[in-house]
PDB file of N, CA and C in Angstrom:
ATOM      1  N   MET A   1     -33.129  34.587 -18.830  1.00  0.00           N
ATOM      2  CA  MET A   1     -32.824  33.328 -18.188  1.00  0.00           C
ATOM      3  C   MET A   1     -32.419  32.273 -19.216  1.00  0.00           C
ATOM      4  N   GLU A   2     -33.119  32.221 -20.321  1.00  0.00           N
ATOM      5  CA  GLU A   2     -32.795  31.217 -21.335  1.00  0.00           C
ATOM      6  C   GLU A   2     -31.379  31.395 -21.856  1.00  0.00           C
ATOM      7  N   ARG A   3     -31.004  32.625 -22.010  1.00  0.00           N
ATOM      8  CA  ARG A   3     -29.689  32.881 -22.560  1.00  0.00           C
ATOM      9  C   ARG A   3     -28.588  32.279 -21.687  1.00  0.00           C
ATOM     10  N   ARG A   4     -28.719  32.405 -20.373  1.00  0.00           N
ATOM     11  CA  ARG A   4     -27.718  31.817 -19.482  1.00  0.00           C
ATOM     12  C   ARG A   4     -27.664  30.297 -19.648  1.00  0.00           C
ATOM     13  N   GLY A   5     -28.797  29.682 -19.790  1.00  0.00           N
ATOM     14  CA  GLY A   5     -28.838  28.234 -20.000  1.00  0.00           C
ATOM     15  C   GLY A   5     -28.119  27.847 -21.279  1.00  0.00           C
ATOM     16  N   VAL A   6     -28.284  28.626 -22.336  1.00  0.00           N
ATOM     17  CA  VAL A   6     -27.623  28.353 -23.603  1.00  0.00           C
ATOM     18  C   VAL A   6     -26.122  28.523 -23.448  1.00  0.00           C
ATOM     19  N   GLU A   7     -25.714  29.592 -22.781  1.00  0.00           N
ATOM     20  CA  GLU A   7     -24.279  29.824 -22.566  1.00  0.00           C
ATOM     21  C   GLU A   7     -23.672  28.692 -21.736  1.00  0.00           C
ATOM     22  N   LYS A   8     -24.410  28.223 -20.757  1.00  0.00           N
ATOM     23  CA  LYS A   8     -23.896  27.154 -19.915  1.00  0.00           C
ATOM     24  C   LYS A   8     -23.654  25.891 -20.745  1.00  0.00           C
ATOM     25  N   VAL A   9     -24.558  25.573 -21.628  1.00  0.00           N
ATOM     26  CA  VAL A   9     -24.388  24.398 -22.479  1.00  0.00           C
ATOM     27  C   VAL A   9     -23.179  24.577 -23.378  1.00  0.00           C
ATOM     28  N   VAL A  10     -23.007  25.766 -23.915  1.00  0.00           N
ATOM     29  CA  VAL A  10     -21.871  26.046 -24.789  1.00  0.00           C
ATOM     30  C   VAL A  10     -20.568  25.922 -24.012  1.00  0.00           C
ATOM     31  N   ILE A  11     -20.547  26.342 -22.762  1.00  0.00           N
ATOM     32  CA  ILE A  11     -19.336  26.247 -21.945  1.00  0.00           C
ATOM     33  C   ILE A  11     -19.125  24.818 -21.440  1.00  0.00           C
ATOM     34  N   ASP A  12     -20.209  24.138 -21.072  1.00  0.00           N
ATOM     35  CA  ASP A  12     -20.095  22.780 -20.531  1.00  0.00           C
ATOM     36  C   ASP A  12     -19.573  21.783 -21.566  1.00  0.00           C
ATOM     37  N   GLU A  13     -19.928  21.966 -22.817  1.00  0.00           N
ATOM     38  CA  GLU A  13     -19.514  21.010 -23.859  1.00  0.00           C
ATOM     39  C   GLU A  13     -17.990  20.913 -23.979  1.00  0.00           C
ATOM     40  N   PRO A  14     -17.256  22.025 -24.093  1.00  0.00           N
ATOM     41  CA  PRO A  14     -15.780  21.908 -24.150  1.00  0.00           C
ATOM     42  C   PRO A  14     -15.190  21.333 -22.859  1.00  0.00           C
ATOM     43  N   ILE A  15     -15.814  21.649 -21.730  1.00  0.00           N
ATOM     44  CA  ILE A  15     -15.317  21.113 -20.455  1.00  0.00           C
ATOM     45  C   ILE A  15     -15.482  19.599 -20.432  1.00  0.00           C
ATOM     46  N   LYS A  16     -16.626  19.107 -20.899  1.00  0.00           N
ATOM     47  CA  LYS A  16     -16.855  17.661 -20.952  1.00  0.00           C
ATOM     48  C   LYS A  16     -15.862  16.990 -21.896  1.00  0.00           C
ATOM     49  N   LYS A  17     -15.589  17.627 -23.025  1.00  0.00           N
ATOM     50  CA  LYS A  17     -14.617  17.067 -23.968  1.00  0.00           C
ATOM     51  C   LYS A  17     -13.230  17.019 -23.342  1.00  0.00           C
ATOM     52  N   LEU A  18     -12.870  18.082 -22.633  1.00  0.00           N
ATOM     53  CA  LEU A  18     -11.560  18.127 -21.980  1.00  0.00           C
ATOM     54  C   LEU A  18     -11.459  17.061 -20.889  1.00  0.00           C
ATOM     55  N   GLN A  19     -12.518  16.895 -20.108  1.00  0.00           N
ATOM     56  CA  GLN A  19     -12.515  15.869 -19.064  1.00  0.00           C
ATOM     57  C   GLN A  19     -12.403  14.477 -19.684  1.00  0.00           C
ATOM     58  N   SER A  20     -13.118  14.264 -20.770  1.00  0.00           N
ATOM     59  CA  SER A  20     -13.051  12.975 -21.460  1.00  0.00           C
ATOM     60  C   SER A  20     -11.640  12.728 -21.991  1.00  0.00           C
ATOM     61  N   TRP A  21     -11.045  13.741 -22.591  1.00  0.00           N
ATOM     62  CA  TRP A  21      -9.682  13.622 -23.122  1.00  0.00           C
ATOM     63  C   TRP A  21      -8.706  13.342 -21.985  1.00  0.00           C
ATOM     64  N   ASP A  22      -8.863  14.067 -20.861  1.00  0.00           N
ATOM     65  CA  ASP A  22      -7.981  13.886 -19.710  1.00  0.00           C
ATOM     66  C   ASP A  22      -8.117  12.465 -19.152  1.00  0.00           C
ATOM     67  N   SER A  23      -9.326  11.971 -19.101  1.00  0.00           N
ATOM     68  CA  SER A  23      -9.561  10.610 -18.619  1.00  0.00           C
ATOM     69  C   SER A  23      -8.888   9.603 -19.543  1.00  0.00           C
ATOM     70  N   MET A  24      -8.996   9.826 -20.843  1.00  0.00           N
ATOM     71  CA  MET A  24      -8.372   8.935 -21.814  1.00  0.00           C
ATOM     72  C   MET A  24      -6.838   8.960 -21.664  1.00  0.00           C
ATOM     73  N   GLN A  25      -6.282  10.156 -21.469  1.00  0.00           N
ATOM     74  CA  GLN A  25      -4.832  10.268 -21.289  1.00  0.00           C
ATOM     75  C   GLN A  25      -4.390   9.564 -20.010  1.00  0.00           C
ATOM     76  N   GLN A  26      -5.189   9.673 -18.958  1.00  0.00           N
ATOM     77  CA  GLN A  26      -4.869   8.999 -17.695  1.00  0.00           C
ATOM     78  C   GLN A  26      -4.866   7.490 -17.894  1.00  0.00           C
ATOM     79  N   GLN A  27      -5.832   6.971 -18.637  1.00  0.00           N
ATOM     80  CA  GLN A  27      -5.879   5.532 -18.911  1.00  0.00           C
ATOM     81  C   GLN A  27      -4.656   5.094 -19.710  1.00  0.00           C
ATOM     82  N   LYS A  28      -4.239   5.908 -20.665  1.00  0.00           N
ATOM     83  CA  LYS A  28      -3.042   5.585 -21.450  1.00  0.00           C
ATOM     84  C   LYS A  28      -1.807   5.553 -20.561  1.00  0.00           C
ATOM     85  N   ARG A  29      -1.680   6.547 -19.660  1.00  0.00           N
ATOM     86  CA  ARG A  29      -0.531   6.582 -18.750  1.00  0.00           C
ATOM     87  C   ARG A  29      -0.511   5.343 -17.856  1.00  0.00           C
ATOM     88  N   GLU A  30      -1.675   4.959 -17.336  1.00  0.00           N
ATOM     89  CA  GLU A  30      -1.747   3.775 -16.479  1.00  0.00           C
ATOM     90  C   GLU A  30      -1.381   2.512 -17.248  1.00  0.00           C
ATOM     91  N   LEU A  31      -1.855   2.403 -18.477  1.00  0.00           N
ATOM     92  CA  LEU A  31      -1.524   1.240 -19.307  1.00  0.00           C
ATOM     93  C   LEU A  31      -0.022   1.174 -19.581  1.00  0.00           C
ATOM     94  N   LEU A  32       0.573   2.309 -19.937  1.00  0.00           N
ATOM     95  CA  LEU A  32       2.016   2.345 -20.193  1.00  0.00           C
ATOM     96  C   LEU A  32       2.805   2.012 -18.933  1.00  0.00           C
ATOM     97  N   PHE A  33       2.338   2.504 -17.777  1.00  0.00           N
ATOM     98  CA  PHE A  33       3.012   2.205 -16.516  1.00  0.00           C
ATOM     99  C   PHE A  33       2.972   0.707 -16.240  1.00  0.00           C
ATOM    100  N   ARG A  34       1.799   0.082 -16.458  1.00  0.00           N
ATOM    101  CA  ARG A  34       1.693  -1.368 -16.227  1.00  0.00           C
ATOM    102  C   ARG A  34       2.599  -2.140 -17.180  1.00  0.00           C
ATOM    103  N   LYS A  35       2.662  -1.718 -18.444  1.00  0.00           N
ATOM    104  CA  LYS A  35       3.535  -2.392 -19.406  1.00  0.00           C
ATOM    105  C   LYS A  35       4.994  -2.255 -19.002  1.00  0.00           C
ATOM    106  N   LEU A  36       5.396  -1.054 -18.583  1.00  0.00           N
ATOM    107  CA  LEU A  36       6.774  -0.826 -18.143  1.00  0.00           C
ATOM    108  C   LEU A  36       7.099  -1.686 -16.931  1.00  0.00           C
ATOM    109  N   HIS A  37       6.177  -1.748 -15.979  1.00  0.00           N
ATOM    110  CA  HIS A  37       6.390  -2.555 -14.783  1.00  0.00           C
ATOM    111  C   HIS A  37       6.551  -4.033 -15.157  1.00  0.00           C
ATOM    112  N   LYS A  38       5.725  -4.502 -16.091  1.00  0.00           N
ATOM    113  CA  LYS A  38       5.815  -5.890 -16.547  1.00  0.00           C
ATOM    114  C   LYS A  38       7.161  -6.157 -17.221  1.00  0.00           C
ATOM    115  N   LEU A  39       7.616  -5.216 -18.053  1.00  0.00           N
ATOM    116  CA  LEU A  39       8.903  -5.376 -18.725  1.00  0.00           C
ATOM    117  C   LEU A  39      10.057  -5.408 -17.719  1.00  0.00           C
ATOM    118  N   LYS A  40       9.980  -4.553 -16.698  1.00  0.00           N
ATOM    119  CA  LYS A  40      11.033  -4.552 -15.679  1.00  0.00           C
ATOM    120  C   LYS A  40      11.054  -5.885 -14.930  1.00  0.00           C
ATOM    121  N   LYS A  41       9.859  -6.426 -14.618  1.00  0.00           N
ATOM    122  CA  LYS A  41       9.804  -7.723 -13.941  1.00  0.00           C
ATOM    123  C   LYS A  41      10.402  -8.815 -14.822  1.00  0.00           C
ATOM    124  N   GLU A  42      10.077  -8.789 -16.117  1.00  0.00           N
ATOM    125  CA  GLU A  42      10.625  -9.785 -17.033  1.00  0.00           C
ATOM    126  C   GLU A  42      12.145  -9.654 -17.131  1.00  0.00           C
ATOM    127  N   LYS A  43      12.630  -8.422 -17.175  1.00  0.00           N
ATOM    128  CA  LYS A  43      14.074  -8.189 -17.262  1.00  0.00           C
ATOM    129  C   LYS A  43      14.766  -8.763 -16.028  1.00  0.00           C
ATOM    130  N   LEU A  44      14.200  -8.524 -14.847  1.00  0.00           N
ATOM    131  CA  LEU A  44      14.780  -9.068 -13.621  1.00  0.00           C
ATOM    132  C   LEU A  44      14.726 -10.593 -13.613  1.00  0.00           C
ATOM    133  N   LYS A  45      13.616 -11.138 -14.114  1.00  0.00           N
ATOM    134  CA  LYS A  45      13.468 -12.590 -14.171  1.00  0.00           C
ATOM    135  C   LYS A  45      14.557 -13.200 -15.050  1.00  0.00           C
ATOM    136  N   TYR A  46      14.775 -12.607 -16.232  1.00  0.00           N
ATOM    137  CA  TYR A  46      15.788 -13.139 -17.144  1.00  0.00           C
ATOM    138  C   TYR A  46      17.196 -12.939 -16.584  1.00  0.00           C
ATOM    139  N   ALA A  47      17.425 -11.836 -15.904  1.00  0.00           N
ATOM    140  CA  ALA A  47      18.734 -11.602 -15.291  1.00  0.00           C
ATOM    141  C   ALA A  47      18.993 -12.653 -14.200  1.00  0.00           C
ATOM    142  N   LEU A  48      17.968 -12.972 -13.431  1.00  0.00           N
ATOM    143  CA  LEU A  48      18.109 -13.994 -12.389  1.00  0.00           C
ATOM    144  C   LEU A  48      18.367 -15.362 -13.010  1.00  0.00           C
ATOM    145  N   GLU A  49      17.642 -15.673 -14.084  1.00  0.00           N
ATOM    146  CA  GLU A  49      17.866 -16.945 -14.771  1.00  0.00           C
ATOM    147  C   GLU A  49      19.289 -17.027 -15.321  1.00  0.00           C
ATOM    148  N   ALA A  50      19.783 -15.942 -15.879  1.00  0.00           N
ATOM    149  CA  ALA A  50      21.145 -15.925 -16.419  1.00  0.00           C
ATOM    150  C   ALA A  50      22.168 -16.103 -15.303  1.00  0.00           C
ATOM    151  N   ALA A  51      21.933 -15.438 -14.180  1.00  0.00           N
ATOM    152  CA  ALA A  51      22.858 -15.569 -13.049  1.00  0.00           C
ATOM    153  C   ALA A  51      22.863 -17.000 -12.515  1.00  0.00           C
ATOM    154  N   ASN A  52      21.692 -17.600 -12.441  1.00  0.00           N
ATOM    155  CA  ASN A  52      21.622 -18.992 -11.975  1.00  0.00           C
ATOM    156  C   ASN A  52      22.316 -19.937 -12.958  1.00  0.00           C
ATOM    157  N   ALA A  53      22.136 -19.690 -14.248  1.00  0.00           N
ATOM    158  CA  ALA A  53      22.807 -20.525 -15.254  1.00  0.00           C
ATOM    159  C   ALA A  53      24.319 -20.375 -15.151  1.00  0.00           C
ATOM    160  N   ALA A  54      24.799 -19.153 -14.954  1.00  0.00           N
ATOM    161  CA  ALA A  54      26.242 -18.922 -14.818  1.00  0.00           C
ATOM    162  C   ALA A  54      26.781 -19.611 -13.561  1.00  0.00           C
ATOM    163  N   ARG A  55      26.009 -19.547 -12.480  1.00  0.00           N
ATOM    164  CA  ARG A  55      26.423 -20.203 -11.238  1.00  0.00           C
ATOM    165  C   ARG A  55      26.511 -21.720 -11.434  1.00  0.00           C
ATOM    166  N   LYS A  56      25.508 -22.287 -12.112  1.00  0.00           N
ATOM    167  CA  LYS A  56      25.514 -23.732 -12.364  1.00  0.00           C
ATOM    168  C   LYS A  56      26.687 -24.137 -13.251  1.00  0.00           C
ATOM    169  N   MET A  57      26.986 -23.299 -14.251  1.00  0.00           N
ATOM    170  CA  MET A  57      28.126 -23.603 -15.122  1.00  0.00           C
ATOM    171  C   MET A  57      29.433 -23.546 -14.339  1.00  0.00           C
ATOM    172  N   ALA A  58      29.565 -22.559 -13.475  1.00  0.00           N
ATOM    173  CA  ALA A  58      30.785 -22.444 -12.668  1.00  0.00           C
ATOM    174  C   ALA A  58      30.909 -23.638 -11.732  1.00  0.00           C
ATOM    175  N   GLN A  59      29.780 -24.044 -11.133  1.00  0.00           N
ATOM    176  CA  GLN A  59      29.794 -25.200 -10.243  1.00  0.00           C
ATOM    177  C   GLN A  59      30.181 -26.465 -11.014  1.00  0.00           C
ATOM    178  N   ALA A  60      29.628 -26.623 -12.208  1.00  0.00           N
ATOM    179  CA  ALA A  60      29.952 -27.801 -13.030  1.00  0.00           C
ATOM    180  C   ALA A  60      31.429 -27.788 -13.427  1.00  0.00           C
ATOM    181  N   GLU A  61      31.965 -26.604 -13.723  1.00  0.00           N
ATOM    182  CA  GLU A  61      33.374 -26.496 -14.087  1.00  0.00           C
ATOM    183  C   GLU A  61      34.266 -26.884 -12.909  1.00  0.00           C
ATOM    184  N   ILE A  62      33.897 -26.435 -11.726  1.00  0.00           N
ATOM    185  CA  ILE A  62      34.671 -26.788 -10.528  1.00  0.00           C
ATOM    186  C   ILE A  62      34.615 -28.292 -10.287  1.00  0.00           C
ATOM    187  N   GLU A  63      33.420 -28.858 -10.413  1.00  0.00           N
ATOM    188  CA  GLU A  63      33.277 -30.305 -10.214  1.00  0.00           C
ATOM    189  C   GLU A  63      34.070 -31.082 -11.265  1.00  0.00           C
ATOM    190  N   ALA A  64      34.092 -30.594 -12.487  1.00  0.00           N
ATOM    191  CA  ALA A  64      34.859 -31.256 -13.552  1.00  0.00           C
ATOM    192  C   ALA A  64      36.353 -31.188 -13.244  1.00  0.00           C
ATOM    193  N   GLU A  65      36.820 -30.046 -12.757  1.00  0.00           N
ATOM    194  CA  GLU A  65      38.237 -29.915 -12.412  1.00  0.00           C
ATOM    195  C   GLU A  65      38.598 -30.848 -11.275  1.00  0.00           C
ATOM    196  N   ILE A  66      37.717 -30.966 -10.287  1.00  0.00           N
ATOM    197  CA  ILE A  66      37.983 -31.874  -9.169  1.00  0.00           C
ATOM    198  C   ILE A  66      38.037 -33.320  -9.676  1.00  0.00           C
ATOM    199  N   THR A  67      37.106 -33.660 -10.569  1.00  0.00           N
ATOM    200  CA  THR A  67      37.089 -35.018 -11.126  1.00  0.00           C
ATOM    201  C   THR A  67      38.374 -35.299 -11.904  1.00  0.00           C
ATOM    202  N   ILE A  68      38.810 -34.344 -12.702  1.00  0.00           N
ATOM    203  CA  ILE A  68      40.063 -34.508 -13.465  1.00  0.00           C
ATOM    204  C   ILE A  68      41.233 -34.656 -12.504  1.00  0.00           C
ATOM    205  N   ASP A  69      41.258 -33.815 -11.456  1.00  0.00           N
ATOM    206  CA  ASP A  69      42.342 -33.906 -10.466  1.00  0.00           C
ATOM    207  C   ASP A  69      42.312 -35.260  -9.755  1.00  0.00           C
ATOM    208  N   GLN A  70      41.113 -35.770  -9.463  1.00  0.00           N
ATOM    209  CA  GLN A  70      41.010 -37.079  -8.808  1.00  0.00           C
ATOM    210  C   GLN A  70      41.524 -38.179  -9.726  1.00  0.00           C
ATOM    211  N   LEU A  71      41.232 -38.051 -11.012  1.00  0.00           N
ATOM    212  CA  LEU A  71      41.711 -39.068 -11.965  1.00  0.00           C
ATOM    213  C   LEU A  71      43.223 -39.001 -12.128  1.00  0.00           C
ATOM    214  N   GLU A  72      43.741 -37.762 -12.114  1.00  0.00           N
ATOM    215  CA  GLU A  72      45.192 -37.616 -12.294  1.00  0.00           C
ATOM    216  C   GLU A  72      45.956 -37.953 -11.022  1.00  0.00           C
ATOM    217  N   ASN A  73      45.348 -37.695  -9.878  1.00  0.00           N
ATOM    218  CA  ASN A  73      46.009 -37.930  -8.590  1.00  0.00           C
ATOM    219  C   ASN A  73      45.094 -38.758  -7.683  1.00  0.00           C
ATOM    220  N   PRO A  74      44.990 -40.046  -7.899  1.00  0.00           N
ATOM    221  CA  PRO A  74      44.064 -40.867  -7.099  1.00  0.00           C
ATOM    222  C   PRO A  74      44.451 -40.957  -5.622  1.00  0.00           C
ATOM    223  N   GLU A  75      45.687 -40.628  -5.291  1.00  0.00           N
ATOM    224  CA  GLU A  75      46.122 -40.742  -3.895  1.00  0.00           C
ATOM    225  C   GLU A  75      45.622 -39.574  -3.028  1.00  0.00           C
ATOM    226  N   ILE A  76      45.156 -38.458  -3.644  1.00  0.00           N
ATOM    227  CA  ILE A  76      44.681 -37.289  -2.885  1.00  0.00           C
ATOM    228  C   ILE A  76      43.175 -37.408  -2.674  1.00  0.00           C
ATOM    229  N   ASP A  77      42.750 -37.197  -1.410  1.00  0.00           N
ATOM    230  CA  ASP A  77      41.314 -37.244  -1.090  1.00  0.00           C
ATOM    231  C   ASP A  77      40.742 -35.827  -1.203  1.00  0.00           C
ATOM    232  N   PHE A  78      39.811 -35.612  -2.131  1.00  0.00           N
ATOM    233  CA  PHE A  78      39.246 -34.285  -2.373  1.00  0.00           C
ATOM    234  C   PHE A  78      37.929 -34.048  -1.632  1.00  0.00           C
ATOM    235  N   SER A  79      37.493 -34.980  -0.809  1.00  0.00           N
ATOM    236  CA  SER A  79      36.206 -34.806  -0.144  1.00  0.00           C
ATOM    237  C   SER A  79      36.260 -33.989   1.102  1.00  0.00           C
TER     238      SER A  79
END
């Protein structure tokens, strides 16, 4: 009977180490997934900011052209 108990301890130890290693790897995967998700959100945020800046610049350019046209041609109503 004692011998089986000894064998069980010898077998259980590598299993516990493997489970611990697997748990650690799972935590690493989850951490990397969260970091990747955060980076993707930041990338989308910056892309949206860039698109909004480009839209504002285009709007300002159009308004500037209208202002120049109004100055050059005061008889035309641009409103």
